[in-house]
Structures are given as C-alpha cells and as structure tokens.
Amino acid sequence: IVAAPVVAVPTSVGYGAAFDGLAALLTMLNSCAAGVAVVNIDNGFGGAMFALRALRRQPR
C-alpha cells in the first residue's frame, strides 16, 4: 500500500479516552496494513531500532 515502511509508535499521552496508549495500540494493530510495523506503547527506541534494521537491509 505504501512505498516505504511505516513505524507506528503509540504513546501513553493523549486526550479523551486514550487508556494509557491502549486505544492507539489497538487501532494500529487492527489496521492490518501491509508495510506497517507496530511497536509497544512508548517504545520509541524499539521503533528506531526497527527503522535502523530496515535501512540496513536496503541495497546501497
């Protein structure tokens, strides 16, 4: 669906009924879109590591 991979990082900070990031996490997981990697709530480091590994797999 997209030309580049997407890294989705749900955060625990939100407004309304965010439920400490659970609402965002479930929304991202339920999208089932190809090319989307979802990491755990507030796991920016994990998202960065996935992006780094994905970039290293690309031919130069």
Protein backbone atom coordinates (compact mmCIF):
# COMPACT_ATOMS: atom_id res chain seq x y z
CA ILE A 1 0.00 0.00 0.00
CA VAL A 2 2.92 2.34 0.72
CA ALA A 3 6.29 2.72 -0.99
CA ALA A 4 8.22 2.82 2.29
CA PRO A 5 7.75 1.01 5.61
CA VAL A 6 5.84 2.83 8.34
CA VAL A 7 6.82 2.54 12.01
CA ALA A 8 3.84 3.11 14.32
CA VAL A 9 4.67 4.08 17.91
CA PRO A 10 1.62 4.52 20.15
CA THR A 11 2.10 6.86 23.10
CA SER A 12 0.53 6.81 26.54
CA VAL A 13 -0.07 10.57 26.39
CA GLY A 14 -3.30 11.55 24.72
CA TYR A 15 -6.62 13.22 25.18
CA GLY A 16 -10.05 11.76 25.63
CA ALA A 17 -10.28 8.04 26.30
CA ALA A 18 -6.69 7.10 25.48
CA PHE A 19 -6.42 4.41 28.21
CA ASP A 20 -2.66 5.00 28.60
CA GLY A 21 -1.98 4.25 24.94
CA LEU A 22 -4.04 1.08 24.68
CA ALA A 23 -6.58 2.70 22.33
CA ALA A 24 -3.81 3.84 19.97
CA LEU A 25 -2.08 0.46 20.11
CA LEU A 26 -5.24 -1.48 19.31
CA THR A 27 -6.09 0.90 16.46
CA MET A 28 -2.67 0.39 14.90
CA LEU A 29 -2.81 -3.39 15.30
CA ASN A 30 -6.33 -3.63 13.88
CA SER A 31 -5.36 -1.74 10.72
CA CYS A 32 -3.58 -4.88 9.38
CA ALA A 33 -1.98 -2.75 6.67
CA ALA A 34 0.99 -4.16 4.78
CA GLY A 35 4.26 -2.37 5.45
CA VAL A 36 3.30 -1.12 8.92
CA ALA A 37 5.39 -2.16 11.94
CA VAL A 38 3.78 -1.54 15.33
CA VAL A 39 5.91 -1.40 18.46
CA ASN A 40 4.83 -1.35 22.09
CA ILE A 41 3.39 1.69 23.88
CA ASP A 42 6.03 4.43 24.40
CA ASN A 43 8.72 2.26 22.76
CA GLY A 44 10.42 4.87 20.63
CA PHE A 45 13.73 3.03 20.99
CA GLY A 46 12.22 -0.15 19.56
CA GLY A 47 10.77 1.83 16.66
CA ALA A 48 14.15 3.40 15.97
CA MET A 49 15.85 0.01 16.07
CA PHE A 50 13.34 -1.41 13.60
CA ALA A 51 13.90 1.56 11.28
CA LEU A 52 17.67 1.13 11.52
CA ARG A 53 17.47 -2.58 10.71
CA ALA A 54 15.11 -1.91 7.82
CA LEU A 55 17.50 0.68 6.41
CA ARG A 56 20.45 -1.69 6.72
CA ARG A 57 18.63 -4.29 4.62
CA GLN A 58 18.29 -1.87 1.70
CA PRO A 59 20.88 -2.17 -1.08
CA ARG A 60 23.21 0.78 -1.40
